[in-house]
C-alpha atoms as a PDB file:
ATOM      1  CA  MET A   1      10.009 -22.368 -27.592  1.00  0.00           C
ATOM      2  CA  GLU A   2      12.393 -20.041 -29.129  1.00  0.00           C
ATOM      3  CA  LYS A   3      11.583 -16.552 -27.149  1.00  0.00           C
ATOM      4  CA  ARG A   4      11.009 -14.046 -29.367  1.00  0.00           C
ATOM      5  CA  ILE A   5      11.337 -10.179 -29.032  1.00  0.00           C
ATOM      6  CA  CYS A   6      10.412  -7.230 -30.873  1.00  0.00           C
ATOM      7  CA  ILE A   7      12.741  -3.994 -31.208  1.00  0.00           C
ATOM      8  CA  LEU A   8      10.998  -1.053 -31.653  1.00  0.00           C
ATOM      9  CA  TYR A   9      13.600   1.877 -32.898  1.00  0.00           C
ATOM     10  CA  THR A  10      12.672   5.467 -32.175  1.00  0.00           C
ATOM     11  CA  GLY A  11      15.486   7.304 -33.076  1.00  0.00           C
ATOM     12  CA  GLY A  12      17.991   8.599 -30.689  1.00  0.00           C
ATOM     13  CA  THR A  13      21.991   8.349 -30.899  1.00  0.00           C
ATOM     14  CA  ILE A  14      22.013   4.584 -30.736  1.00  0.00           C
ATOM     15  CA  GLY A  15      21.359   4.183 -34.329  1.00  0.00           C
ATOM     16  CA  MET A  16      22.107   7.925 -35.850  1.00  0.00           C
ATOM     17  CA  VAL A  17      25.023   8.625 -38.643  1.00  0.00           C
ATOM     18  CA  PRO A  18      26.857  11.358 -39.067  1.00  0.00           C
ATOM     19  CA  THR A  19      25.888  14.100 -40.972  1.00  0.00           C
ATOM     20  CA  PRO A  20      26.818  17.455 -42.106  1.00  0.00           C
ATOM     21  CA  ARG A  21      24.942  19.017 -39.590  1.00  0.00           C
ATOM     22  CA  GLY A  22      25.835  16.505 -36.730  1.00  0.00           C
ATOM     23  CA  TYR A  23      24.615  13.091 -35.616  1.00  0.00           C
ATOM     24  CA  ALA A  24      21.358  12.358 -36.621  1.00  0.00           C
ATOM     25  CA  PRO A  25      18.801   9.404 -37.474  1.00  0.00           C
ATOM     26  CA  ARG A  26      19.121   7.618 -41.002  1.00  0.00           C
ATOM     27  CA  PRO A  27      15.616   5.650 -41.861  1.00  0.00           C
ATOM     28  CA  GLY A  28      16.500   1.394 -43.092  1.00  0.00           C
ATOM     29  CA  TYR A  29      20.133   1.912 -41.305  1.00  0.00           C
ATOM     30  CA  LEU A  30      19.373   0.717 -38.643  1.00  0.00           C
ATOM     31  CA  GLY A  31      18.019  -2.891 -39.753  1.00  0.00           C
ATOM     32  CA  PRO A  32      21.355  -4.316 -41.969  1.00  0.00           C
ATOM     33  CA  LEU A  33      24.070  -2.884 -39.150  1.00  0.00           C
ATOM     34  CA  LEU A  34      22.069  -4.915 -36.498  1.00  0.00           C
ATOM     35  CA  ALA A  35      21.519  -7.904 -38.692  1.00  0.00           C
ATOM     36  CA  ALA A  36      25.023  -8.222 -39.417  1.00  0.00           C
ATOM     37  CA  MET A  37      26.347  -8.256 -35.802  1.00  0.00           C
ATOM     38  CA  PRO A  38      27.079 -12.064 -34.743  1.00  0.00           C
ATOM     39  CA  GLU A  39      26.274 -11.970 -31.267  1.00  0.00           C
ATOM     40  CA  LEU A  40      21.795 -10.965 -32.650  1.00  0.00           C
ATOM     41  CA  THR A  41      22.547 -14.481 -34.558  1.00  0.00           C
ATOM     42  CA  GLY A  42      24.270 -16.933 -32.516  1.00  0.00           C
ATOM     43  CA  PRO A  43      22.805 -19.277 -30.587  1.00  0.00           C
ATOM     44  CA  GLU A  44      22.377 -17.409 -27.379  1.00  0.00           C
ATOM     45  CA  ALA A  45      20.378 -14.650 -29.068  1.00  0.00           C
ATOM     46  CA  PRO A  46      16.303 -14.806 -28.834  1.00  0.00           C
ATOM     47  CA  ALA A  47      15.115 -14.545 -32.227  1.00  0.00           C
ATOM     48  CA  TRP A  48      13.812 -10.799 -32.576  1.00  0.00           C
ATOM     49  CA  ASP A  49      11.856  -8.320 -35.400  1.00  0.00           C
ATOM     50  CA  LEU A  50      13.084  -4.803 -35.456  1.00  0.00           C
ATOM     51  CA  VAL A  51       9.892  -1.933 -36.243  1.00  0.00           C
ATOM     52  CA  GLU A  52      10.764   1.014 -36.858  1.00  0.00           C
ATOM     53  CA  MET A  53       8.908   3.898 -36.450  1.00  0.00           C
ATOM     54  CA  ASP A  54       8.333   6.758 -38.410  1.00  0.00           C
ATOM     55  CA  PRO A  55       9.561   9.713 -37.982  1.00  0.00           C
ATOM     56  CA  LEU A  56      12.766   8.766 -36.459  1.00  0.00           C
ATOM     57  CA  LEU A  57      13.517  11.394 -33.795  1.00  0.00           C
ATOM     58  CA  ASP A  58      16.688  13.246 -31.467  1.00  0.00           C
ATOM     59  CA  SER A  59      14.529  12.125 -28.309  1.00  0.00           C
ATOM     60  CA  SER A  60      14.448  16.311 -27.588  1.00  0.00           C
ATOM     61  CA  ASN A  61      11.309  16.343 -29.808  1.00  0.00           C
ATOM     62  CA  ILE A  62       9.756  13.245 -28.534  1.00  0.00           C
ATOM     63  CA  ALA A  63       6.404  14.171 -26.140  1.00  0.00           C
ATOM     64  CA  VAL A  64       2.755  12.761 -25.974  1.00  0.00           C
ATOM     65  CA  GLY A  65       2.191  12.217 -30.016  1.00  0.00           C
ATOM     66  CA  GLU A  66       4.853   9.651 -29.258  1.00  0.00           C
ATOM     67  CA  TRP A  67       4.317   8.258 -26.858  1.00  0.00           C
ATOM     68  CA  ASN A  68       1.315   6.857 -27.433  1.00  0.00           C
ATOM     69  CA  ALA A  69       2.295   6.019 -30.840  1.00  0.00           C
ATOM     70  CA  ILE A  70       4.962   3.658 -29.130  1.00  0.00           C
ATOM     71  CA  GLY A  71       2.663   2.376 -26.719  1.00  0.00           C
ATOM     72  CA  GLN A  72      -0.108   1.392 -29.750  1.00  0.00           C
ATOM     73  CA  ALA A  73       3.060  -0.264 -31.128  1.00  0.00           C
ATOM     74  CA  ILE A  74       3.810  -2.440 -28.393  1.00  0.00           C
ATOM     75  CA  PHE A  75      -0.144  -3.311 -27.365  1.00  0.00           C
ATOM     76  CA  GLU A  76      -0.616  -4.095 -31.386  1.00  0.00           C
ATOM     77  CA  ARG A  77       2.134  -6.940 -31.193  1.00  0.00           C
ATOM     78  CA  TYR A  78       1.632  -7.589 -27.484  1.00  0.00           C
ATOM     79  CA  ASP A  79       0.535 -11.014 -28.102  1.00  0.00           C
ATOM     80  CA  SER A  80       3.060 -11.911 -30.678  1.00  0.00           C
ATOM     81  CA  TYR A  81       6.260 -11.559 -28.764  1.00  0.00           C
ATOM     82  CA  ASP A  82       7.569 -12.369 -25.068  1.00  0.00           C
ATOM     83  CA  GLY A  83       9.032  -9.116 -24.712  1.00  0.00           C
ATOM     84  CA  PHE A  84      10.348  -5.807 -26.596  1.00  0.00           C
ATOM     85  CA  VAL A  85      12.963  -3.934 -26.645  1.00  0.00           C
ATOM     86  CA  VAL A  86      12.663   0.037 -27.642  1.00  0.00           C
ATOM     87  CA  LEU A  87      15.997   1.561 -28.285  1.00  0.00           C
ATOM     88  CA  HIS A  88      15.438   5.407 -27.477  1.00  0.00           C
ATOM     89  CA  GLY A  89      17.745   8.495 -27.316  1.00  0.00           C
ATOM     90  CA  THR A  90      18.859   9.341 -24.135  1.00  0.00           C
ATOM     91  CA  ASP A  91      17.878  13.052 -23.001  1.00  0.00           C
ATOM     92  CA  THR A  92      14.250  11.851 -22.676  1.00  0.00           C
ATOM     93  CA  MET A  93      14.286   8.445 -22.159  1.00  0.00           C
ATOM     94  CA  ALA A  94      13.376   8.737 -18.477  1.00  0.00           C
ATOM     95  CA  TYR A  95      10.063  10.449 -19.345  1.00  0.00           C
ATOM     96  CA  THR A  96       9.313   7.569 -21.819  1.00  0.00           C
ATOM     97  CA  ALA A  97       9.519   5.230 -19.490  1.00  0.00           C
ATOM     98  CA  GLY A  98       7.780   6.626 -17.215  1.00  0.00           C
ATOM     99  CA  ALA A  99       4.578   7.217 -19.417  1.00  0.00           C
ATOM    100  CA  LEU A 100       4.696   3.498 -20.783  1.00  0.00           C
ATOM    101  CA  SER A 101       4.784   2.227 -17.006  1.00  0.00           C
ATOM    102  CA  PHE A 102       1.513   4.167 -16.687  1.00  0.00           C
ATOM    103  CA  MET A 103      -0.175   3.515 -20.128  1.00  0.00           C
ATOM    104  CA  LEU A 104       0.919  -0.440 -20.195  1.00  0.00           C
ATOM    105  CA  GLU A 105      -1.643  -1.319 -17.996  1.00  0.00           C
ATOM    106  CA  ASN A 106      -1.661  -4.790 -16.782  1.00  0.00           C
ATOM    107  CA  LEU A 107       1.510  -5.556 -18.114  1.00  0.00           C
ATOM    108  CA  GLN A 108       2.815  -9.118 -17.813  1.00  0.00           C
ATOM    109  CA  LYS A 109       6.126  -8.989 -20.044  1.00  0.00           C
ATOM    110  CA  PRO A 110       9.329  -7.528 -20.191  1.00  0.00           C
ATOM    111  CA  VAL A 111       9.510  -3.885 -21.889  1.00  0.00           C
ATOM    112  CA  VAL A 112      13.125  -3.079 -21.894  1.00  0.00           C
ATOM    113  CA  LEU A 113      13.661   1.277 -22.893  1.00  0.00           C
ATOM    114  CA  THR A 114      18.220   1.141 -23.683  1.00  0.00           C
ATOM    115  CA  GLY A 115      19.731   3.471 -26.401  1.00  0.00           C
ATOM    116  CA  SER A 116      23.446   4.422 -25.905  1.00  0.00           C
ATOM    117  CA  GLN A 117      25.494   7.425 -25.583  1.00  0.00           C
ATOM    118  CA  ILE A 118      27.965   6.821 -28.701  1.00  0.00           C
ATOM    119  CA  PRO A 119      26.875   5.254 -31.727  1.00  0.00           C
ATOM    120  CA  LEU A 120      26.774   1.772 -32.985  1.00  0.00           C
ATOM    121  CA  CYS A 121      28.720   3.218 -35.766  1.00  0.00           C
ATOM    122  CA  ARG A 122      31.033   3.948 -33.301  1.00  0.00           C
ATOM    123  CA  LEU A 123      34.089   1.825 -32.568  1.00  0.00           C
ATOM    124  CA  ARG A 124      33.866   2.462 -29.259  1.00  0.00           C
ATOM    125  CA  SER A 125      29.692   2.532 -29.152  1.00  0.00           C
ATOM    126  CA  ASP A 126      28.271   1.053 -26.107  1.00  0.00           C
ATOM    127  CA  GLY A 127      25.333   0.763 -27.335  1.00  0.00           C
ATOM    128  CA  ARG A 128      26.319  -2.790 -28.453  1.00  0.00           C
ATOM    129  CA  GLU A 129      26.162  -4.917 -24.743  1.00  0.00           C
ATOM    130  CA  ASN A 130      23.021  -1.868 -23.993  1.00  0.00           C
ATOM    131  CA  LEU A 131      21.132  -3.391 -27.174  1.00  0.00           C
ATOM    132  CA  ILE A 132      21.974  -7.253 -26.298  1.00  0.00           C
ATOM    133  CA  THR A 133      22.137  -7.280 -22.388  1.00  0.00           C
ATOM    134  CA  SER A 134      18.550  -5.809 -22.989  1.00  0.00           C
ATOM    135  CA  LEU A 135      17.345  -8.452 -25.359  1.00  0.00           C
ATOM    136  CA  LEU A 136      18.418 -10.965 -22.839  1.00  0.00           C
ATOM    137  CA  ILE A 137      16.713  -9.516 -19.858  1.00  0.00           C
ATOM    138  CA  ALA A 138      13.598  -9.053 -22.435  1.00  0.00           C
ATOM    139  CA  ALA A 139      13.785 -12.687 -23.201  1.00  0.00           C
ATOM    140  CA  GLN A 140      14.180 -13.699 -19.577  1.00  0.00           C
ATOM    141  CA  GLY A 141      11.079 -12.489 -18.690  1.00  0.00           C
ATOM    142  CA  LYS A 142      11.979 -11.967 -14.733  1.00  0.00           C
ATOM    143  CA  ALA A 143      11.381  -7.944 -15.256  1.00  0.00           C
ATOM    144  CA  ALA A 144       7.709  -8.157 -16.583  1.00  0.00           C
ATOM    145  CA  GLU A 145       7.297  -4.166 -16.107  1.00  0.00           C
ATOM    146  CA  VAL A 146       8.540  -1.250 -17.977  1.00  0.00           C
ATOM    147  CA  CYS A 147      12.276  -0.951 -17.301  1.00  0.00           C
ATOM    148  CA  LEU A 148      15.267   1.299 -18.480  1.00  0.00           C
ATOM    149  CA  TYR A 149      18.700  -0.509 -19.411  1.00  0.00           C
ATOM    150  CA  PHE A 150      22.115   1.126 -19.514  1.00  0.00           C
ATOM    151  CA  GLY A 151      25.742   1.250 -18.112  1.00  0.00           C
ATOM    152  CA  GLY A 152      24.876  -2.312 -16.327  1.00  0.00           C
ATOM    153  CA  LYS A 153      22.029  -1.873 -14.161  1.00  0.00           C
ATOM    154  CA  LEU A 154      18.499  -2.468 -15.389  1.00  0.00           C
ATOM    155  CA  LEU A 155      16.547   0.024 -13.467  1.00  0.00           C
ATOM    156  CA  ARG A 156      12.156   0.319 -12.611  1.00  0.00           C
ATOM    157  CA  GLY A 157      11.321   2.418 -15.609  1.00  0.00           C
ATOM    158  CA  CYS A 158       9.535   5.298 -13.126  1.00  0.00           C
ATOM    159  CA  ARG A 159      12.465   5.597 -10.667  1.00  0.00           C
ATOM    160  CA  ALA A 160      14.556   6.303 -13.518  1.00  0.00           C
ATOM    161  CA  VAL A 161      16.513   9.719 -13.582  1.00  0.00           C
ATOM    162  CA  LYS A 162      19.325  10.720 -16.393  1.00  0.00           C
ATOM    163  CA  ARG A 163      21.953  11.693 -14.723  1.00  0.00           C
ATOM    164  CA  SER A 164      24.610  12.580 -17.183  1.00  0.00           C
ATOM    165  CA  ALA A 165      25.232  13.990 -20.293  1.00  0.00           C
ATOM    166  CA  ASP A 166      27.915  11.668 -21.441  1.00  0.00           C
ATOM    167  CA  GLY A 167      28.872   9.614 -18.971  1.00  0.00           C
ATOM    168  CA  LEU A 168      28.562   5.931 -20.464  1.00  0.00           C
ATOM    169  CA  GLN A 169      26.703   4.578 -16.685  1.00  0.00           C
ATOM    170  CA  ALA A 170      23.849   8.135 -17.878  1.00  0.00           C
ATOM    171  CA  PHE A 171      21.503   7.027 -15.557  1.00  0.00           C
ATOM    172  CA  PHE A 172      20.388   6.108 -12.453  1.00  0.00           C
ATOM    173  CA  SER A 173      17.395   4.980  -9.899  1.00  0.00           C
ATOM    174  CA  PRO A 174      17.179   7.330  -6.872  1.00  0.00           C
ATOM    175  CA  ASN A 175      15.668   5.828  -3.906  1.00  0.00           C
ATOM    176  CA  TYR A 176      15.412   2.596  -5.354  1.00  0.00           C
ATOM    177  CA  PRO A 177      17.779  -0.492  -6.314  1.00  0.00           C
ATOM    178  CA  PRO A 178      17.957  -1.602  -9.553  1.00  0.00           C
ATOM    179  CA  LEU A 179      16.313  -4.524 -10.536  1.00  0.00           C
ATOM    180  CA  ALA A 180      19.605  -6.037 -11.610  1.00  0.00           C
ATOM    181  CA  LEU A 181      23.104  -5.636 -12.436  1.00  0.00           C
ATOM    182  CA  ALA A 182      24.623  -7.190 -15.464  1.00  0.00           C
ATOM    183  CA  GLY A 183      28.139  -8.019 -14.660  1.00  0.00           C
ATOM    184  CA  VAL A 184      29.738 -12.342 -16.009  1.00  0.00           C
ATOM    185  CA  ASN A 185      26.079 -12.690 -14.855  1.00  0.00           C
ATOM    186  CA  ILE A 186      22.487 -10.873 -14.995  1.00  0.00           C
ATOM    187  CA  ARG A 187      22.090 -11.161 -11.158  1.00  0.00           C
ATOM    188  CA  TYR A 188      18.398  -9.832 -10.154  1.00  0.00           C
ATOM    189  CA  ASP A 189      17.502  -8.847  -7.034  1.00  0.00           C
ATOM    190  CA  ASP A 190      14.146 -10.358  -6.483  1.00  0.00           C
ATOM    191  CA  ALA A 191      13.030  -8.001  -3.432  1.00  0.00           C
ATOM    192  CA  ALA A 192      12.505  -5.133  -6.143  1.00  0.00           C
ATOM    193  CA  LEU A 193      11.061  -6.890  -8.805  1.00  0.00           C
ATOM    194  CA  ARG A 194       8.324  -8.274  -6.287  1.00  0.00           C
ATOM    195  CA  ARG A 195       5.029  -7.124  -7.616  1.00  0.00           C
ATOM    196  CA  PRO A 196       1.435  -7.948  -7.288  1.00  0.00           C
ATOM    197  CA  ALA A 197      -0.331 -10.191 -10.096  1.00  0.00           C
ATOM    198  CA  PRO A 198      -2.148  -8.568 -12.986  1.00  0.00           C
ATOM    199  CA  ARG A 199      -5.095  -7.977 -13.273  1.00  0.00           C
ATOM    200  CA  GLY A 200      -7.425  -8.697 -16.032  1.00  0.00           C
ATOM    201  CA  PRO A 201      -5.762  -8.727 -18.965  1.00  0.00           C
ATOM    202  CA  ALA A 202      -2.867  -6.211 -21.345  1.00  0.00           C
ATOM    203  CA  ALA A 203      -4.766  -3.299 -21.821  1.00  0.00           C
ATOM    204  CA  LEU A 204      -3.431   0.250 -23.153  1.00  0.00           C
ATOM    205  CA  ALA A 205      -4.438   3.617 -21.820  1.00  0.00           C
ATOM    206  CA  PRO A 206      -3.017   6.738 -24.345  1.00  0.00           C
ATOM    207  CA  PHE A 207      -2.498  10.142 -22.785  1.00  0.00           C
ATOM    208  CA  GLY A 208      -4.293  13.290 -23.984  1.00  0.00           C
ATOM    209  CA  ASN A 209      -2.505  16.626 -24.381  1.00  0.00           C
ATOM    210  CA  VAL A 210      -3.226  17.775 -20.590  1.00  0.00           C
ATOM    211  CA  PRO A 211      -1.546  21.374 -19.884  1.00  0.00           C
ATOM    212  CA  ILE A 212       1.007  20.047 -17.292  1.00  0.00           C
ATOM    213  CA  GLY A 213       3.611  22.359 -16.409  1.00  0.00           C
ATOM    214  CA  VAL A 214       6.764  22.064 -13.776  1.00  0.00           C
ATOM    215  CA  LEU A 215       8.036  24.800 -11.767  1.00  0.00           C
ATOM    216  CA  LYS A 216      11.399  24.585  -9.877  1.00  0.00           C
ATOM    217  CA  VAL A 217      11.950  27.004  -6.519  1.00  0.00           C
ATOM    218  CA  PHE A 218      14.824  28.943  -6.450  1.00  0.00           C
ATOM    219  CA  PRO A 219      15.679  31.289  -4.432  1.00  0.00           C
ATOM    220  CA  GLY A 220      14.701  34.881  -5.087  1.00  0.00           C
ATOM    221  CA  ILE A 221      11.727  33.278  -6.559  1.00  0.00           C
ATOM    222  CA  GLN A 222       8.665  35.323  -7.218  1.00  0.00           C
ATOM    223  CA  PHE A 223       5.783  33.147  -7.764  1.00  0.00           C
ATOM    224  CA  GLY A 224       3.342  36.019  -8.864  1.00  0.00           C
ATOM    225  CA  LEU A 225       4.942  35.645 -11.749  1.00  0.00           C
ATOM    226  CA  PHE A 226       3.401  32.617 -12.548  1.00  0.00           C
ATOM    227  CA  GLU A 227      -0.453  33.667 -11.651  1.00  0.00           C
ATOM    228  CA  PRO A 228      -1.546  33.761 -15.203  1.00  0.00           C
ATOM    229  CA  ILE A 229      -0.773  29.535 -15.768  1.00  0.00           C
ATOM    230  CA  MET A 230      -1.067  28.349 -12.863  1.00  0.00           C
ATOM    231  CA  THR A 231      -4.649  29.444 -12.521  1.00  0.00           C
ATOM    232  CA  ARG A 232      -6.250  29.413 -15.165  1.00  0.00           C
ATOM    233  CA  ARG A 233      -4.567  26.630 -18.100  1.00  0.00           C
ATOM    234  CA  LEU A 234      -2.481  24.173 -16.125  1.00  0.00           C
ATOM    235  CA  ARG A 235      -4.256  20.382 -15.078  1.00  0.00           C
ATOM    236  CA  GLY A 236      -1.831  19.284 -13.333  1.00  0.00           C
ATOM    237  CA  ILE A 237       1.719  21.661 -11.573  1.00  0.00           C
ATOM    238  CA  VAL A 238       5.081  19.884 -10.672  1.00  0.00           C
ATOM    239  CA  LEU A 239       6.554  21.792  -7.925  1.00  0.00           C
ATOM    240  CA  GLU A 240      10.361  21.427  -7.135  1.00  0.00           C
ATOM    241  CA  THR A 241      10.939  21.961  -4.083  1.00  0.00           C
ATOM    242  CA  PHE A 242      14.103  22.090  -1.367  1.00  0.00           C
ATOM    243  CA  GLY A 243      14.351  18.941   0.705  1.00  0.00           C
ATOM    244  CA  ALA A 244      10.766  17.640   2.043  1.00  0.00           C
ATOM    245  CA  GLY A 245       8.865  19.922   0.565  1.00  0.00           C
ATOM    246  CA  ASN A 246      10.127  23.626   1.698  1.00  0.00           C
ATOM    247  CA  ILE A 247       9.282  26.914   0.086  1.00  0.00           C
ATOM    248  CA  PRO A 248      10.757  29.947   0.415  1.00  0.00           C
ATOM    249  CA  ASP A 249       7.854  32.493   1.619  1.00  0.00           C
ATOM    250  CA  GLU A 250       8.034  35.350  -0.487  1.00  0.00           C
ATOM    251  CA  GLN A 251       5.216  37.639   1.582  1.00  0.00           C
ATOM    252  CA  GLY A 252       3.170  34.122   1.725  1.00  0.00           C
ATOM    253  CA  ALA A 253       2.506  34.359  -2.676  1.00  0.00           C
ATOM    254  CA  LEU A 254       2.612  30.506  -3.365  1.00  0.00           C
ATOM    255  CA  PRO A 255      -0.489  29.165  -1.012  1.00  0.00           C
ATOM    256  CA  PRO A 256      -2.674  31.426  -2.695  1.00  0.00           C
ATOM    257  CA  LEU A 257      -1.734  30.435  -6.332  1.00  0.00           C
ATOM    258  CA  ILE A 258      -2.352  26.796  -5.266  1.00  0.00           C
ATOM    259  CA  ARG A 259      -5.663  27.123  -3.199  1.00  0.00           C
ATOM    260  CA  LYS A 260      -6.978  28.697  -6.472  1.00  0.00           C
ATOM    261  CA  ALA A 261      -5.301  26.676  -8.747  1.00  0.00           C
ATOM    262  CA  TRP A 262      -7.289  23.705  -6.918  1.00  0.00           C
ATOM    263  CA  GLN A 263     -10.278  25.668  -6.598  1.00  0.00           C
ATOM    264  CA  ASN A 264      -9.902  25.996 -10.756  1.00  0.00           C
ATOM    265  CA  GLY A 265      -9.609  21.803 -10.469  1.00  0.00           C
ATOM    266  CA  ALA A 266      -5.440  22.075 -11.389  1.00  0.00           C
ATOM    267  CA  VAL A 267      -3.369  18.994  -8.863  1.00  0.00           C
ATOM    268  CA  LEU A 268      -0.138  20.809  -7.534  1.00  0.00           C
ATOM    269  CA  THR A 269       2.156  17.701  -6.496  1.00  0.00           C
ATOM    270  CA  VAL A 270       5.443  18.816  -4.701  1.00  0.00           C
ATOM    271  CA  CYS A 271       8.525  16.607  -5.733  1.00  0.00           C
ATOM    272  CA  SER A 272      12.158  17.466  -4.023  1.00  0.00           C
ATOM    273  CA  GLN A 273      15.149  18.579  -5.779  1.00  0.00           C
ATOM    274  CA  CYS A 274      16.978  16.175  -3.978  1.00  0.00           C
ATOM    275  CA  PHE A 275      17.461  12.994  -5.181  1.00  0.00           C
ATOM    276  CA  GLU A 276      17.818  11.352  -1.966  1.00  0.00           C
ATOM    277  CA  GLY A 277      14.521  11.303   0.329  1.00  0.00           C
ATOM    278  CA  GLY A 278      11.462  12.703  -0.331  1.00  0.00           C
ATOM    279  CA  VAL A 279       8.657  15.241   0.259  1.00  0.00           C
ATOM    280  CA  LEU A 280       7.046  14.962   3.652  1.00  0.00           C
ATOM    281  CA  LEU A 281       4.902  18.184   3.979  1.00  0.00           C
ATOM    282  CA  GLY A 282       4.316  19.790   7.378  1.00  0.00           C
ATOM    283  CA  GLU A 283       7.203  17.759   8.229  1.00  0.00           C
ATOM    284  CA  TYR A 284       9.304  21.904   8.307  1.00  0.00           C
ATOM    285  CA  ALA A 285       6.731  24.942   8.983  1.00  0.00           C
ATOM    286  CA  ALA A 286       8.187  26.102   5.194  1.00  0.00           C
ATOM    287  CA  SER A 287       5.940  22.808   3.785  1.00  0.00           C
ATOM    288  CA  ALA A 288       2.583  23.088   5.703  1.00  0.00           C
ATOM    289  CA  ALA A 289       1.214  25.920   4.159  1.00  0.00           C
ATOM    290  CA  LEU A 290       1.356  24.004   1.258  1.00  0.00           C
ATOM    291  CA  ALA A 291      -0.581  21.129   2.336  1.00  0.00           C
ATOM    292  CA  ALA A 292      -3.027  23.506   3.893  1.00  0.00           C
ATOM    293  CA  ALA A 293      -3.144  25.105   0.300  1.00  0.00           C
ATOM    294  CA  GLY A 294      -4.455  21.769  -1.290  1.00  0.00           C
ATOM    295  CA  ALA A 295      -1.206  20.424  -2.397  1.00  0.00           C
ATOM    296  CA  VAL A 296      -0.544  16.837  -2.497  1.00  0.00           C
ATOM    297  CA  SER A 297       2.977  15.191  -1.360  1.00  0.00           C
ATOM    298  CA  GLY A 298       5.251  13.658  -4.337  1.00  0.00           C
ATOM    299  CA  GLY A 299       7.202  11.426  -1.655  1.00  0.00           C
ATOM    300  CA  ASP A 300      10.028   9.951  -3.323  1.00  0.00           C
ATOM    301  CA  MET A 301       8.778  10.311  -7.074  1.00  0.00           C
ATOM    302  CA  THR A 302      10.926  11.781  -9.574  1.00  0.00           C
ATOM    303  CA  THR A 303       9.026  14.788 -11.742  1.00  0.00           C
ATOM    304  CA  GLU A 304       9.292  12.248 -14.746  1.00  0.00           C
ATOM    305  CA  ALA A 305       7.318   9.946 -12.831  1.00  0.00           C
ATOM    306  CA  ALA A 306       5.116  12.968 -11.388  1.00  0.00           C
ATOM    307  CA  VAL A 307       4.876  14.370 -14.944  1.00  0.00           C
ATOM    308  CA  ALA A 308       3.638  11.099 -16.769  1.00  0.00           C
ATOM    309  CA  LYS A 309       0.961   9.849 -13.752  1.00  0.00           C
ATOM    310  CA  LEU A 310      -0.549  12.782 -13.785  1.00  0.00           C
ATOM    311  CA  TYR A 311      -0.837  12.668 -17.384  1.00  0.00           C
ATOM    312  CA  TYR A 312      -1.605   9.156 -17.217  1.00  0.00           C
ATOM    313  CA  LEU A 313      -4.579  10.018 -14.306  1.00  0.00           C
ATOM    314  CA  PHE A 314      -6.011  13.245 -15.982  1.00  0.00           C
ATOM    315  CA  SER A 315      -6.007  11.391 -19.414  1.00  0.00           C
ATOM    316  CA  LYS A 316      -8.573   8.516 -17.546  1.00  0.00           C
ATOM    317  CA  GLY A 317     -11.300  11.722 -17.113  1.00  0.00           C
ATOM    318  CA  LEU A 318     -10.747  11.463 -13.427  1.00  0.00           C
ATOM    319  CA  ASP A 319     -11.512  14.773 -11.817  1.00  0.00           C
ATOM    320  CA  ALA A 320      -8.964  16.860  -9.834  1.00  0.00           C
ATOM    321  CA  ALA A 321      -9.586  15.077  -6.072  1.00  0.00           C
ATOM    322  CA  ALA A 322      -9.787  11.376  -7.503  1.00  0.00           C
ATOM    323  CA  VAL A 323      -6.629  12.527  -9.400  1.00  0.00           C
ATOM    324  CA  LYS A 324      -5.240  14.077  -6.134  1.00  0.00           C
ATOM    325  CA  GLU A 325      -6.024  11.179  -4.131  1.00  0.00           C
ATOM    326  CA  LYS A 326      -4.428   8.920  -6.733  1.00  0.00           C
ATOM    327  CA  MET A 327      -1.099  10.570  -7.047  1.00  0.00           C
ATOM    328  CA  GLY A 328      -0.766  10.105  -3.448  1.00  0.00           C
ATOM    329  CA  GLU A 329      -0.964   6.202  -3.846  1.00  0.00           C
ATOM    330  CA  ASN A 330       2.131   3.999  -5.759  1.00  0.00           C
ATOM    331  CA  LEU A 331       0.306   2.454  -8.602  1.00  0.00           C
ATOM    332  CA  ARG A 332       3.393   1.226 -10.659  1.00  0.00           C
ATOM    333  CA  GLY A 333       6.383   1.516  -8.345  1.00  0.00           C
ATOM    334  CA  GLU A 334       7.057   4.411  -8.993  1.00  0.00           C
ATOM    335  CA  ARG A 335       7.054   6.028  -5.117  1.00  0.00           C
ATOM    336  CA  SER A 336       7.826   4.210  -2.001  1.00  0.00           C
ATOM    337  CA  GLY A 337       5.188   2.685  -0.336  1.00  0.00           C
ATOM    338  CA  SER A 338       2.368  -0.657  -0.893  1.00  0.00           C
ATOM    339  CA  LEU A 339       0.998  -0.891  -3.872  1.00  0.00           C
ATOM    340  CA  THR A 340      -2.567  -0.740  -4.218  1.00  0.00           C
END
């Protein structure tokens, strides 16, 4: 039976056209362009339908509401297609991949995010190969999870990070191997793909507008300046620390803020500014105070994954203690350790 793939176009560089104000998406433009590509209508290509989101957006404008809309569009069509390809701008693609990884529960079909650094309307566009290979990956069905394909590599969605603003291999996966490499053939890493069987039917867990913040530690940071937002408004905080979770002492100002935030129902997750390795709270004295104050180690999670996971868990209605516990678990392959 012929495989059928749903292509969701959210906007982004791949379908943009030149305008007096620079490249921008144009409604109704991408469909005829794809239909005219012989590679997408030949015998090797799966059948596909294009769904254009409204409005089409530069990905810098995509946030929680748009994540929910994309998730809803997939969920409504879940039983009608064998897989999904989400065309998305590169700037926040890793955040959307992380969000969909958690939002789409018990997923048993591929959801592949891709895009391009050069629009399809340009001669040297990388979008053609990214789109064609993403369609084939979605149709093959081996990677039955949320993935990101770009520049010859298929990455786990909740492990992906954008690392280049102009390179054609714009994404990579810190601390986790690619799920597949696309050369002459598409070669899957079966060990990297290995996941437990989903439990129950596919479900959608939309995100609420949970107040979440990201704070990057830097030399000379004055933690006291952040006290109003860290203790009164935010529910989730991602702290990007040095190395394995280290922070400057700053007269011991941060641990009391964390303790007060925890008492107010906020969860602080510690991630590393380093791409390789992860957080080990207490490994050094400079990080021990974080654990004692109530922070949770993000392990080798990316900031993008940690943000999405906080949105997901708080949106499920869990209290701070339950969210903190789940942040330390491996739910979608977002951090090293056995899946639970």
